[in-house]
Amino acid sequence: MAEIGWIAAGGFLGAMARYAMVAFVSARWPTRLPLGTLLMNLIGSFLLGWIASSGLNEQIAFFLGTGFMGAFTTFSTFKLESVNLFRWGEGKTSLLYMGMTYLLGIGAAWLGFGVGM
C-alpha cells in the first residue's frame, strides 16, 4: 500500500513539472511542432532509462519511475497532438513529430540506461 503513496507523490510532482516546462518551452519557442511535449518525452525517456538501470531502492523507483516519469511524460497528449496536426493539414509535421518522438525517445532511453549502469 505504501507504493501507492510514493507513486501518487511522484505523479503530482511530475505533472506539475511537465505543465511548467511545456508552458515555458511553448512560450519561448512557438512553433506548429509541439516542441514542449517532444522535449518532455525525450527528457523523460532518458531519465526513465537511467532510473531503470541505476539500481535504486524500490520506494525511490516507484516515486521517480512510475510516479514522476509517468506524469512527466505523456503518451496521450503526444497522440492527440499528432492527430490534430493531421486535422490541421500539417501531415508532414505530424509525421516528423511522431518519428522524432519514437526514434529519439528510444535512443534517449538507451542512452539513459547506459549512463545508469
PDB file of N, CA and C in Angstrom:
ATOM      1  N   MET A   1       0.810  -1.194   0.000  1.00  0.00           N
ATOM      2  CA  MET A   1       0.000   0.000   0.000  1.00  0.00           C
ATOM      3  C   MET A   1       0.863   1.271   0.000  1.00  0.00           C
ATOM      4  N   ALA A   2       2.041   1.203   0.592  1.00  0.00           N
ATOM      5  CA  ALA A   2       2.933   2.367   0.621  1.00  0.00           C
ATOM      6  C   ALA A   2       3.356   2.771  -0.783  1.00  0.00           C
ATOM      7  N   GLU A   3       3.422   1.801  -1.702  1.00  0.00           N
ATOM      8  CA  GLU A   3       3.813   2.111  -3.076  1.00  0.00           C
ATOM      9  C   GLU A   3       2.872   3.137  -3.700  1.00  0.00           C
ATOM     10  N   ILE A   4       1.592   3.043  -3.382  1.00  0.00           N
ATOM     11  CA  ILE A   4       0.611   3.958  -3.953  1.00  0.00           C
ATOM     12  C   ILE A   4       0.919   5.398  -3.536  1.00  0.00           C
ATOM     13  N   GLY A   5       1.315   5.587  -2.289  1.00  0.00           N
ATOM     14  CA  GLY A   5       1.675   6.918  -1.824  1.00  0.00           C
ATOM     15  C   GLY A   5       2.887   7.469  -2.548  1.00  0.00           C
ATOM     16  N   TRP A   6       3.905   6.630  -2.740  1.00  0.00           N
ATOM     17  CA  TRP A   6       5.103   7.053  -3.474  1.00  0.00           C
ATOM     18  C   TRP A   6       4.756   7.413  -4.916  1.00  0.00           C
ATOM     19  N   ILE A   7       3.929   6.587  -5.546  1.00  0.00           N
ATOM     20  CA  ILE A   7       3.535   6.832  -6.937  1.00  0.00           C
ATOM     21  C   ILE A   7       2.708   8.110  -7.044  1.00  0.00           C
ATOM     22  N   ALA A   8       1.765   8.297  -6.116  1.00  0.00           N
ATOM     23  CA  ALA A   8       0.917   9.491  -6.146  1.00  0.00           C
ATOM     24  C   ALA A   8       1.738  10.760  -5.953  1.00  0.00           C
ATOM     25  N   ALA A   9       2.655  10.735  -5.006  1.00  0.00           N
ATOM     26  CA  ALA A   9       3.501  11.915  -4.758  1.00  0.00           C
ATOM     27  C   ALA A   9       4.360  12.225  -5.978  1.00  0.00           C
ATOM     28  N   GLY A  10       4.967  11.205  -6.546  1.00  0.00           N
ATOM     29  CA  GLY A  10       5.778  11.412  -7.749  1.00  0.00           C
ATOM     30  C   GLY A  10       4.936  11.890  -8.910  1.00  0.00           C
ATOM     31  N   GLY A  11       3.737  11.327  -9.059  1.00  0.00           N
ATOM     32  CA  GLY A  11       2.845  11.733 -10.145  1.00  0.00           C
ATOM     33  C   GLY A  11       2.429  13.188 -10.034  1.00  0.00           C
ATOM     34  N   PHE A  12       2.125  13.611  -8.826  1.00  0.00           N
ATOM     35  CA  PHE A  12       1.757  15.011  -8.613  1.00  0.00           C
ATOM     36  C   PHE A  12       2.903  15.935  -9.032  1.00  0.00           C
ATOM     37  N   LEU A  13       4.084  15.646  -8.551  1.00  0.00           N
ATOM     38  CA  LEU A  13       5.244  16.492  -8.870  1.00  0.00           C
ATOM     39  C   LEU A  13       5.605  16.418 -10.352  1.00  0.00           C
ATOM     40  N   GLY A  14       5.501  15.231 -10.940  1.00  0.00           N
ATOM     41  CA  GLY A  14       5.801  15.078 -12.362  1.00  0.00           C
ATOM     42  C   GLY A  14       4.832  15.842 -13.245  1.00  0.00           C
ATOM     43  N   ALA A  15       3.546  15.812 -12.898  1.00  0.00           N
ATOM     44  CA  ALA A  15       2.544  16.545 -13.669  1.00  0.00           C
ATOM     45  C   ALA A  15       2.783  18.051 -13.580  1.00  0.00           C
ATOM     46  N   MET A  16       3.105  18.524 -12.387  1.00  0.00           N
ATOM     47  CA  MET A  16       3.374  19.955 -12.218  1.00  0.00           C
ATOM     48  C   MET A  16       4.629  20.370 -12.992  1.00  0.00           C
ATOM     49  N   ALA A  17       5.657  19.534 -12.945  1.00  0.00           N
ATOM     50  CA  ALA A  17       6.893  19.830 -13.676  1.00  0.00           C
ATOM     51  C   ALA A  17       6.640  19.847 -15.179  1.00  0.00           C
ATOM     52  N   ARG A  18       5.861  18.883 -15.674  1.00  0.00           N
ATOM     53  CA  ARG A  18       5.562  18.849 -17.114  1.00  0.00           C
ATOM     54  C   ARG A  18       4.794  20.091 -17.528  1.00  0.00           C
ATOM     55  N   TYR A  19       3.781  20.448 -16.774  1.00  0.00           N
ATOM     56  CA  TYR A  19       2.990  21.626 -17.116  1.00  0.00           C
ATOM     57  C   TYR A  19       3.877  22.872 -17.189  1.00  0.00           C
ATOM     58  N   ALA A  20       4.700  23.058 -16.183  1.00  0.00           N
ATOM     59  CA  ALA A  20       5.571  24.241 -16.145  1.00  0.00           C
ATOM     60  C   ALA A  20       6.563  24.243 -17.299  1.00  0.00           C
ATOM     61  N   MET A  21       7.162  23.088 -17.578  1.00  0.00           N
ATOM     62  CA  MET A  21       8.168  23.014 -18.639  1.00  0.00           C
ATOM     63  C   MET A  21       7.545  23.196 -20.025  1.00  0.00           C
ATOM     64  N   VAL A  22       6.391  22.568 -20.267  1.00  0.00           N
ATOM     65  CA  VAL A  22       5.730  22.712 -21.569  1.00  0.00           C
ATOM     66  C   VAL A  22       5.298  24.160 -21.769  1.00  0.00           C
ATOM     67  N   ALA A  23       4.749  24.777 -20.734  1.00  0.00           N
ATOM     68  CA  ALA A  23       4.344  26.183 -20.838  1.00  0.00           C
ATOM     69  C   ALA A  23       5.552  27.072 -21.134  1.00  0.00           C
ATOM     70  N   PHE A  24       6.659  26.819 -20.464  1.00  0.00           N
ATOM     71  CA  PHE A  24       7.874  27.611 -20.677  1.00  0.00           C
ATOM     72  C   PHE A  24       8.387  27.448 -22.106  1.00  0.00           C
ATOM     73  N   VAL A  25       8.532  26.212 -22.552  1.00  0.00           N
ATOM     74  CA  VAL A  25       9.071  25.944 -23.890  1.00  0.00           C
ATOM     75  C   VAL A  25       8.135  26.495 -24.963  1.00  0.00           C
ATOM     76  N   SER A  26       6.835  26.288 -24.800  1.00  0.00           N
ATOM     77  CA  SER A  26       5.867  26.751 -25.805  1.00  0.00           C
ATOM     78  C   SER A  26       5.843  28.272 -25.909  1.00  0.00           C
ATOM     79  N   ALA A  27       5.997  28.961 -24.781  1.00  0.00           N
ATOM     80  CA  ALA A  27       6.018  30.430 -24.797  1.00  0.00           C
ATOM     81  C   ALA A  27       7.329  30.956 -25.385  1.00  0.00           C
ATOM     82  N   ARG A  28       8.414  30.260 -25.100  1.00  0.00           N
ATOM     83  CA  ARG A  28       9.737  30.701 -25.541  1.00  0.00           C
ATOM     84  C   ARG A  28       9.964  30.437 -27.030  1.00  0.00           C
ATOM     85  N   TRP A  29       9.510  29.268 -27.511  1.00  0.00           N
ATOM     86  CA  TRP A  29       9.729  28.863 -28.903  1.00  0.00           C
ATOM     87  C   TRP A  29       8.417  28.408 -29.540  1.00  0.00           C
ATOM     88  N   PRO A  30       7.537  29.326 -29.898  1.00  0.00           N
ATOM     89  CA  PRO A  30       6.259  28.926 -30.505  1.00  0.00           C
ATOM     90  C   PRO A  30       6.483  28.343 -31.907  1.00  0.00           C
ATOM     91  N   THR A  31       5.888  27.203 -32.149  1.00  0.00           N
ATOM     92  CA  THR A  31       6.014  26.523 -33.435  1.00  0.00           C
ATOM     93  C   THR A  31       4.841  25.564 -33.595  1.00  0.00           C
ATOM     94  N   ARG A  32       4.560  25.161 -34.833  1.00  0.00           N
ATOM     95  CA  ARG A  32       3.494  24.179 -35.070  1.00  0.00           C
ATOM     96  C   ARG A  32       3.868  22.824 -34.469  1.00  0.00           C
ATOM     97  N   LEU A  33       5.155  22.529 -34.476  1.00  0.00           N
ATOM     98  CA  LEU A  33       5.639  21.288 -33.868  1.00  0.00           C
ATOM     99  C   LEU A  33       5.481  21.409 -32.353  1.00  0.00           C
ATOM    100  N   PRO A  34       4.811  20.467 -31.700  1.00  0.00           N
ATOM    101  CA  PRO A  34       4.621  20.527 -30.246  1.00  0.00           C
ATOM    102  C   PRO A  34       5.957  20.289 -29.517  1.00  0.00           C
ATOM    103  N   LEU A  35       6.808  21.276 -29.564  1.00  0.00           N
ATOM    104  CA  LEU A  35       8.167  21.161 -29.057  1.00  0.00           C
ATOM    105  C   LEU A  35       8.212  20.873 -27.557  1.00  0.00           C
ATOM    106  N   GLY A  36       7.313  21.479 -26.791  1.00  0.00           N
ATOM    107  CA  GLY A  36       7.302  21.250 -25.347  1.00  0.00           C
ATOM    108  C   GLY A  36       7.065  19.794 -25.000  1.00  0.00           C
ATOM    109  N   THR A  37       6.046  19.194 -25.594  1.00  0.00           N
ATOM    110  CA  THR A  37       5.751  17.781 -25.334  1.00  0.00           C
ATOM    111  C   THR A  37       6.877  16.893 -25.828  1.00  0.00           C
ATOM    112  N   LEU A  38       7.411  17.212 -27.001  1.00  0.00           N
ATOM    113  CA  LEU A  38       8.524  16.432 -27.546  1.00  0.00           C
ATOM    114  C   LEU A  38       9.706  16.433 -26.585  1.00  0.00           C
ATOM    115  N   LEU A  39      10.087  17.614 -26.108  1.00  0.00           N
ATOM    116  CA  LEU A  39      11.226  17.692 -25.193  1.00  0.00           C
ATOM    117  C   LEU A  39      10.963  16.955 -23.881  1.00  0.00           C
ATOM    118  N   MET A  40       9.764  17.084 -23.333  1.00  0.00           N
ATOM    119  CA  MET A  40       9.452  16.397 -22.072  1.00  0.00           C
ATOM    120  C   MET A  40       9.521  14.882 -22.265  1.00  0.00           C
ATOM    121  N   ASN A  41       9.003  14.397 -23.386  1.00  0.00           N
ATOM    122  CA  ASN A  41       9.039  12.955 -23.631  1.00  0.00           C
ATOM    123  C   ASN A  41      10.462  12.449 -23.862  1.00  0.00           C
ATOM    124  N   LEU A  42      11.298  13.244 -24.513  1.00  0.00           N
ATOM    125  CA  LEU A  42      12.688  12.824 -24.732  1.00  0.00           C
ATOM    126  C   LEU A  42      13.486  12.874 -23.429  1.00  0.00           C
ATOM    127  N   ILE A  43      13.324  13.935 -22.670  1.00  0.00           N
ATOM    128  CA  ILE A  43      13.995  14.016 -21.364  1.00  0.00           C
ATOM    129  C   ILE A  43      13.510  12.885 -20.463  1.00  0.00           C
ATOM    130  N   GLY A  44      12.209  12.657 -20.463  1.00  0.00           N
ATOM    131  CA  GLY A  44      11.640  11.586 -19.650  1.00  0.00           C
ATOM    132  C   GLY A  44      12.126  10.205 -20.066  1.00  0.00           C
ATOM    133  N   SER A  45      12.287   9.990 -21.359  1.00  0.00           N
ATOM    134  CA  SER A  45      12.803   8.701 -21.843  1.00  0.00           C
ATOM    135  C   SER A  45      14.221   8.460 -21.344  1.00  0.00           C
ATOM    136  N   PHE A  46      15.050   9.501 -21.438  1.00  0.00           N
ATOM    137  CA  PHE A  46      16.415   9.387 -20.932  1.00  0.00           C
ATOM    138  C   PHE A  46      16.411   9.087 -19.429  1.00  0.00           C
ATOM    139  N   LEU A  47      15.654   9.877 -18.685  1.00  0.00           N
ATOM    140  CA  LEU A  47      15.640   9.706 -17.227  1.00  0.00           C
ATOM    141  C   LEU A  47      15.060   8.350 -16.809  1.00  0.00           C
ATOM    142  N   LEU A  48      14.029   7.895 -17.500  1.00  0.00           N
ATOM    143  CA  LEU A  48      13.462   6.591 -17.157  1.00  0.00           C
ATOM    144  C   LEU A  48      14.447   5.473 -17.458  1.00  0.00           C
ATOM    145  N   GLY A  49      15.211   5.593 -18.547  1.00  0.00           N
ATOM    146  CA  GLY A  49      16.265   4.614 -18.821  1.00  0.00           C
ATOM    147  C   GLY A  49      17.296   4.603 -17.715  1.00  0.00           C
ATOM    148  N   TRP A  50      17.678   5.792 -17.264  1.00  0.00           N
ATOM    149  CA  TRP A  50      18.638   5.895 -16.162  1.00  0.00           C
ATOM    150  C   TRP A  50      18.073   5.293 -14.881  1.00  0.00           C
ATOM    151  N   ILE A  51      16.837   5.621 -14.556  1.00  0.00           N
ATOM    152  CA  ILE A  51      16.196   5.101 -13.345  1.00  0.00           C
ATOM    153  C   ILE A  51      16.123   3.578 -13.392  1.00  0.00           C
ATOM    154  N   ALA A  52      15.747   3.042 -14.545  1.00  0.00           N
ATOM    155  CA  ALA A  52      15.586   1.593 -14.683  1.00  0.00           C
ATOM    156  C   ALA A  52      16.889   0.833 -14.483  1.00  0.00           C
ATOM    157  N   SER A  53      18.007   1.454 -14.814  1.00  0.00           N
ATOM    158  CA  SER A  53      19.272   0.735 -14.734  1.00  0.00           C
ATOM    159  C   SER A  53      20.143   1.142 -13.548  1.00  0.00           C
ATOM    160  N   SER A  54      19.669   2.043 -12.729  1.00  0.00           N
ATOM    161  CA  SER A  54      20.530   2.596 -11.684  1.00  0.00           C
ATOM    162  C   SER A  54      20.498   1.832 -10.366  1.00  0.00           C
ATOM    163  N   GLY A  55      19.616   0.857 -10.230  1.00  0.00           N
ATOM    164  CA  GLY A  55      19.578   0.058  -9.007  1.00  0.00           C
ATOM    165  C   GLY A  55      19.038   0.801  -7.797  1.00  0.00           C
ATOM    166  N   LEU A  56      18.153   1.748  -8.009  1.00  0.00           N
ATOM    167  CA  LEU A  56      17.561   2.489  -6.892  1.00  0.00           C
ATOM    168  C   LEU A  56      16.691   1.572  -6.046  1.00  0.00           C
ATOM    169  N   ASN A  57      16.514   1.933  -4.771  1.00  0.00           N
ATOM    170  CA  ASN A  57      15.638   1.105  -3.942  1.00  0.00           C
ATOM    171  C   ASN A  57      14.198   1.213  -4.443  1.00  0.00           C
ATOM    172  N   GLU A  58      13.370   0.278  -4.021  1.00  0.00           N
ATOM    173  CA  GLU A  58      12.026   0.139  -4.568  1.00  0.00           C
ATOM    174  C   GLU A  58      11.165   1.390  -4.385  1.00  0.00           C
ATOM    175  N   GLN A  59      11.205   2.010  -3.220  1.00  0.00           N
ATOM    176  CA  GLN A  59      10.371   3.191  -2.983  1.00  0.00           C
ATOM    177  C   GLN A  59      10.773   4.355  -3.891  1.00  0.00           C
ATOM    178  N   ILE A  60      12.060   4.571  -4.028  1.00  0.00           N
ATOM    179  CA  ILE A  60      12.539   5.651  -4.896  1.00  0.00           C
ATOM    180  C   ILE A  60      12.206   5.338  -6.353  1.00  0.00           C
ATOM    181  N   ALA A  61      12.324   4.081  -6.748  1.00  0.00           N
ATOM    182  CA  ALA A  61      11.974   3.691  -8.115  1.00  0.00           C
ATOM    183  C   ALA A  61      10.486   3.917  -8.383  1.00  0.00           C
ATOM    184  N   PHE A  62       9.619   3.586  -7.424  1.00  0.00           N
ATOM    185  CA  PHE A  62       8.193   3.858  -7.584  1.00  0.00           C
ATOM    186  C   PHE A  62       7.947   5.366  -7.700  1.00  0.00           C
ATOM    187  N   PHE A  63       8.575   6.131  -6.811  1.00  0.00           N
ATOM    188  CA  PHE A  63       8.399   7.583  -6.802  1.00  0.00           C
ATOM    189  C   PHE A  63       8.863   8.209  -8.113  1.00  0.00           C
ATOM    190  N   LEU A  64      10.101   7.915  -8.517  1.00  0.00           N
ATOM    191  CA  LEU A  64      10.665   8.531  -9.707  1.00  0.00           C
ATOM    192  C   LEU A  64      10.183   7.894 -11.014  1.00  0.00           C
ATOM    193  N   GLY A  65      10.249   6.564 -11.077  1.00  0.00           N
ATOM    194  CA  GLY A  65       9.945   5.876 -12.333  1.00  0.00           C
ATOM    195  C   GLY A  65       8.471   5.857 -12.678  1.00  0.00           C
ATOM    196  N   THR A  66       7.674   5.258 -11.807  1.00  0.00           N
ATOM    197  CA  THR A  66       6.251   5.125 -12.095  1.00  0.00           C
ATOM    198  C   THR A  66       5.517   6.443 -11.876  1.00  0.00           C
ATOM    199  N   GLY A  67       5.774   7.105 -10.753  1.00  0.00           N
ATOM    200  CA  GLY A  67       5.058   8.327 -10.419  1.00  0.00           C
ATOM    201  C   GLY A  67       5.502   9.530 -11.225  1.00  0.00           C
ATOM    202  N   PHE A  68       6.717  10.009 -10.948  1.00  0.00           N
ATOM    203  CA  PHE A  68       7.190  11.238 -11.575  1.00  0.00           C
ATOM    204  C   PHE A  68       7.274  11.102 -13.092  1.00  0.00           C
ATOM    205  N   MET A  69       7.980  10.084 -13.582  1.00  0.00           N
ATOM    206  CA  MET A  69       8.164   9.950 -15.028  1.00  0.00           C
ATOM    207  C   MET A  69       6.851   9.614 -15.730  1.00  0.00           C
ATOM    208  N   GLY A  70       5.975   8.862 -15.051  1.00  0.00           N
ATOM    209  CA  GLY A  70       4.680   8.546 -15.638  1.00  0.00           C
ATOM    210  C   GLY A  70       3.846   9.787 -15.906  1.00  0.00           C
ATOM    211  N   ALA A  71       3.968  10.782 -15.034  1.00  0.00           N
ATOM    212  CA  ALA A  71       3.219  12.025 -15.215  1.00  0.00           C
ATOM    213  C   ALA A  71       4.012  13.060 -16.005  1.00  0.00           C
ATOM    214  N   PHE A  72       5.326  13.020 -15.919  1.00  0.00           N
ATOM    215  CA  PHE A  72       6.179  13.978 -16.626  1.00  0.00           C
ATOM    216  C   PHE A  72       6.113  13.749 -18.134  1.00  0.00           C
ATOM    217  N   THR A  73       6.130  12.495 -18.535  1.00  0.00           N
ATOM    218  CA  THR A  73       5.989  12.162 -19.950  1.00  0.00           C
ATOM    219  C   THR A  73       4.505  11.966 -20.227  1.00  0.00           C
ATOM    220  N   THR A  74       4.120  12.087 -21.485  1.00  0.00           N
ATOM    221  CA  THR A  74       2.694  11.991 -21.787  1.00  0.00           C
ATOM    222  C   THR A  74       2.453  11.377 -23.155  1.00  0.00           C
ATOM    223  N   PHE A  75       1.975  10.172 -23.139  1.00  0.00           N
ATOM    224  CA  PHE A  75       1.671   9.457 -24.372  1.00  0.00           C
ATOM    225  C   PHE A  75       0.358   9.972 -24.979  1.00  0.00           C
ATOM    226  N   SER A  76      -0.634  10.240 -24.145  1.00  0.00           N
ATOM    227  CA  SER A  76      -1.934  10.663 -24.661  1.00  0.00           C
ATOM    228  C   SER A  76      -1.860  12.044 -25.316  1.00  0.00           C
ATOM    229  N   THR A  77      -1.143  12.979 -24.715  1.00  0.00           N
ATOM    230  CA  THR A  77      -1.005  14.301 -25.319  1.00  0.00           C
ATOM    231  C   THR A  77      -0.253  14.201 -26.638  1.00  0.00           C
ATOM    232  N   PHE A  78       0.780  13.379 -26.665  1.00  0.00           N
ATOM    233  CA  PHE A  78       1.541  13.152 -27.898  1.00  0.00           C
ATOM    234  C   PHE A  78       0.617  12.653 -29.012  1.00  0.00           C
ATOM    235  N   LYS A  79      -0.234  11.692 -28.700  1.00  0.00           N
ATOM    236  CA  LYS A  79      -1.143  11.145 -29.719  1.00  0.00           C
ATOM    237  C   LYS A  79      -2.158  12.187 -30.177  1.00  0.00           C
ATOM    238  N   LEU A  80      -2.734  12.927 -29.236  1.00  0.00           N
ATOM    239  CA  LEU A  80      -3.701  13.965 -29.600  1.00  0.00           C
ATOM    240  C   LEU A  80      -3.056  15.034 -30.472  1.00  0.00           C
ATOM    241  N   GLU A  81      -1.862  15.471 -30.099  1.00  0.00           N
ATOM    242  CA  GLU A  81      -1.167  16.478 -30.908  1.00  0.00           C
ATOM    243  C   GLU A  81      -0.859  15.948 -32.307  1.00  0.00           C
ATOM    244  N   SER A  82      -0.490  14.683 -32.410  1.00  0.00           N
ATOM    245  CA  SER A  82      -0.208  14.074 -33.712  1.00  0.00           C
ATOM    246  C   SER A  82      -1.456  14.059 -34.585  1.00  0.00           C
ATOM    247  N   VAL A  83      -2.580  13.658 -34.025  1.00  0.00           N
ATOM    248  CA  VAL A  83      -3.846  13.628 -34.768  1.00  0.00           C
ATOM    249  C   VAL A  83      -4.263  15.046 -35.158  1.00  0.00           C
ATOM    250  N   ASN A  84      -4.147  15.983 -34.224  1.00  0.00           N
ATOM    251  CA  ASN A  84      -4.537  17.364 -34.522  1.00  0.00           C
ATOM    252  C   ASN A  84      -3.698  17.963 -35.642  1.00  0.00           C
ATOM    253  N   LEU A  85      -2.423  17.665 -35.675  1.00  0.00           N
ATOM    254  CA  LEU A  85      -1.584  18.166 -36.765  1.00  0.00           C
ATOM    255  C   LEU A  85      -2.119  17.675 -38.115  1.00  0.00           C
ATOM    256  N   PHE A  86      -2.521  16.411 -38.188  1.00  0.00           N
ATOM    257  CA  PHE A  86      -3.119  15.902 -39.430  1.00  0.00           C
ATOM    258  C   PHE A  86      -4.421  16.632 -39.731  1.00  0.00           C
ATOM    259  N   ARG A  87      -5.245  16.828 -38.722  1.00  0.00           N
ATOM    260  CA  ARG A  87      -6.530  17.513 -38.901  1.00  0.00           C
ATOM    261  C   ARG A  87      -6.340  18.938 -39.412  1.00  0.00           C
ATOM    262  N   TRP A  88      -5.261  19.585 -39.022  1.00  0.00           N
ATOM    263  CA  TRP A  88      -4.985  20.972 -39.415  1.00  0.00           C
ATOM    264  C   TRP A  88      -4.213  21.060 -40.729  1.00  0.00           C
ATOM    265  N   GLY A  89      -4.068  19.922 -41.418  1.00  0.00           N
ATOM    266  CA  GLY A  89      -3.373  19.927 -42.700  1.00  0.00           C
ATOM    267  C   GLY A  89      -1.859  19.938 -42.584  1.00  0.00           C
ATOM    268  N   GLU A  90      -1.350  19.566 -41.432  1.00  0.00           N
ATOM    269  CA  GLU A  90       0.096  19.545 -41.177  1.00  0.00           C
ATOM    270  C   GLU A  90       0.606  18.100 -41.117  1.00  0.00           C
ATOM    271  N   GLY A  91       0.282  17.326 -42.142  1.00  0.00           N
ATOM    272  CA  GLY A  91       0.641  15.911 -42.155  1.00  0.00           C
ATOM    273  C   GLY A  91       2.137  15.664 -42.058  1.00  0.00           C
ATOM    274  N   LYS A  92       2.932  16.451 -42.794  1.00  0.00           N
ATOM    275  CA  LYS A  92       4.388  16.276 -42.746  1.00  0.00           C
ATOM    276  C   LYS A  92       4.930  16.597 -41.357  1.00  0.00           C
ATOM    277  N   THR A  93       4.401  17.644 -40.735  1.00  0.00           N
ATOM    278  CA  THR A  93       4.835  17.996 -39.382  1.00  0.00           C
ATOM    279  C   THR A  93       4.459  16.892 -38.401  1.00  0.00           C
ATOM    280  N   SER A  94       3.268  16.314 -38.583  1.00  0.00           N
ATOM    281  CA  SER A  94       2.837  15.228 -37.712  1.00  0.00           C
ATOM    282  C   SER A  94       3.751  14.012 -37.839  1.00  0.00           C
ATOM    283  N   LEU A  95       4.077  13.657 -39.074  1.00  0.00           N
ATOM    284  CA  LEU A  95       4.971  12.515 -39.283  1.00  0.00           C
ATOM    285  C   LEU A  95       6.360  12.787 -38.714  1.00  0.00           C
ATOM    286  N   LEU A  96       6.852  14.008 -38.885  1.00  0.00           N
ATOM    287  CA  LEU A  96       8.137  14.385 -38.304  1.00  0.00           C
ATOM    288  C   LEU A  96       8.086  14.269 -36.777  1.00  0.00           C
ATOM    289  N   TYR A  97       7.026  14.788 -36.193  1.00  0.00           N
ATOM    290  CA  TYR A  97       6.830  14.741 -34.741  1.00  0.00           C
ATOM    291  C   TYR A  97       6.797  13.305 -34.230  1.00  0.00           C
ATOM    292  N   MET A  98       6.019  12.453 -34.897  1.00  0.00           N
ATOM    293  CA  MET A  98       5.940  11.051 -34.471  1.00  0.00           C
ATOM    294  C   MET A  98       7.279  10.350 -34.637  1.00  0.00           C
ATOM    295  N   GLY A  99       7.926  10.558 -35.766  1.00  0.00           N
ATOM    296  CA  GLY A  99       9.219   9.927 -35.998  1.00  0.00           C
ATOM    297  C   GLY A  99      10.257  10.357 -34.989  1.00  0.00           C
ATOM    298  N   MET A 100      10.317  11.658 -34.725  1.00  0.00           N
ATOM    299  CA  MET A 100      11.281  12.162 -33.746  1.00  0.00           C
ATOM    300  C   MET A 100      10.986  11.606 -32.357  1.00  0.00           C
ATOM    301  N   THR A 101       9.713  11.588 -31.980  1.00  0.00           N
ATOM    302  CA  THR A 101       9.350  11.108 -30.646  1.00  0.00           C
ATOM    303  C   THR A 101       9.746   9.650 -30.473  1.00  0.00           C
ATOM    304  N   TYR A 102       9.404   8.803 -31.438  1.00  0.00           N
ATOM    305  CA  TYR A 102       9.701   7.377 -31.298  1.00  0.00           C
ATOM    306  C   TYR A 102      11.198   7.089 -31.422  1.00  0.00           C
ATOM    307  N   LEU A 103      11.811   7.564 -32.476  1.00  0.00           N
ATOM    308  CA  LEU A 103      13.224   7.226 -32.699  1.00  0.00           C
ATOM    309  C   LEU A 103      14.147   7.876 -31.677  1.00  0.00           C
ATOM    310  N   LEU A 104      13.984   9.181 -31.460  1.00  0.00           N
ATOM    311  CA  LEU A 104      14.832   9.855 -30.486  1.00  0.00           C
ATOM    312  C   LEU A 104      14.513   9.403 -29.065  1.00  0.00           C
ATOM    313  N   GLY A 105      13.250   9.077 -28.818  1.00  0.00           N
ATOM    314  CA  GLY A 105      12.870   8.591 -27.485  1.00  0.00           C
ATOM    315  C   GLY A 105      13.523   7.262 -27.148  1.00  0.00           C
ATOM    316  N   ILE A 106      13.547   6.355 -28.104  1.00  0.00           N
ATOM    317  CA  ILE A 106      14.209   5.068 -27.880  1.00  0.00           C
ATOM    318  C   ILE A 106      15.707   5.286 -27.693  1.00  0.00           C
ATOM    319  N   GLY A 107      16.282   6.162 -28.504  1.00  0.00           N
ATOM    320  CA  GLY A 107      17.705   6.477 -28.344  1.00  0.00           C
ATOM    321  C   GLY A 107      18.008   7.103 -26.994  1.00  0.00           C
ATOM    322  N   ALA A 108      17.135   8.007 -26.543  1.00  0.00           N
ATOM    323  CA  ALA A 108      17.331   8.653 -25.240  1.00  0.00           C
ATOM    324  C   ALA A 108      17.227   7.641 -24.109  1.00  0.00           C
ATOM    325  N   ALA A 109      16.261   6.735 -24.194  1.00  0.00           N
ATOM    326  CA  ALA A 109      16.125   5.702 -23.158  1.00  0.00           C
ATOM    327  C   ALA A 109      17.351   4.794 -23.140  1.00  0.00           C
ATOM    328  N   TRP A 110      17.832   4.436 -24.307  1.00  0.00           N
ATOM    329  CA  TRP A 110      19.030   3.593 -24.418  1.00  0.00           C
ATOM    330  C   TRP A 110      20.240   4.298 -23.807  1.00  0.00           C
ATOM    331  N   LEU A 111      20.380   5.585 -24.113  1.00  0.00           N
ATOM    332  CA  LEU A 111      21.483   6.370 -23.565  1.00  0.00           C
ATOM    333  C   LEU A 111      21.363   6.472 -22.036  1.00  0.00           C
ATOM    334  N   GLY A 112      20.175   6.753 -21.555  1.00  0.00           N
ATOM    335  CA  GLY A 112      19.956   6.827 -20.110  1.00  0.00           C
ATOM    336  C   GLY A 112      20.242   5.514 -19.417  1.00  0.00           C
ATOM    337  N   PHE A 113      19.849   4.421 -20.047  1.00  0.00           N
ATOM    338  CA  PHE A 113      20.128   3.093 -19.490  1.00  0.00           C
ATOM    339  C   PHE A 113      21.624   2.867 -19.387  1.00  0.00           C
ATOM    340  N   GLY A 114      22.341   3.262 -20.413  1.00  0.00           N
ATOM    341  CA  GLY A 114      23.797   3.110 -20.393  1.00  0.00           C
ATOM    342  C   GLY A 114      24.471   3.966 -19.327  1.00  0.00           C
ATOM    343  N   VAL A 115      23.979   5.171 -19.123  1.00  0.00           N
ATOM    344  CA  VAL A 115      24.532   6.065 -18.110  1.00  0.00           C
ATOM    345  C   VAL A 115      24.263   5.518 -16.714  1.00  0.00           C
ATOM    346  N   GLY A 116      23.107   4.903 -16.529  1.00  0.00           N
ATOM    347  CA  GLY A 116      22.732   4.405 -15.208  1.00  0.00           C
ATOM    348  C   GLY A 116      23.442   3.137 -14.781  1.00  0.00           C
ATOM    349  N   MET A 117      24.074   2.465 -15.701  1.00  0.00           N
ATOM    350  CA  MET A 117      24.711   1.187 -15.358  1.00  0.00           C
ATOM    351  C   MET A 117      25.982   1.374 -14.579  1.00  0.00           C
TER     352      MET A 117
END
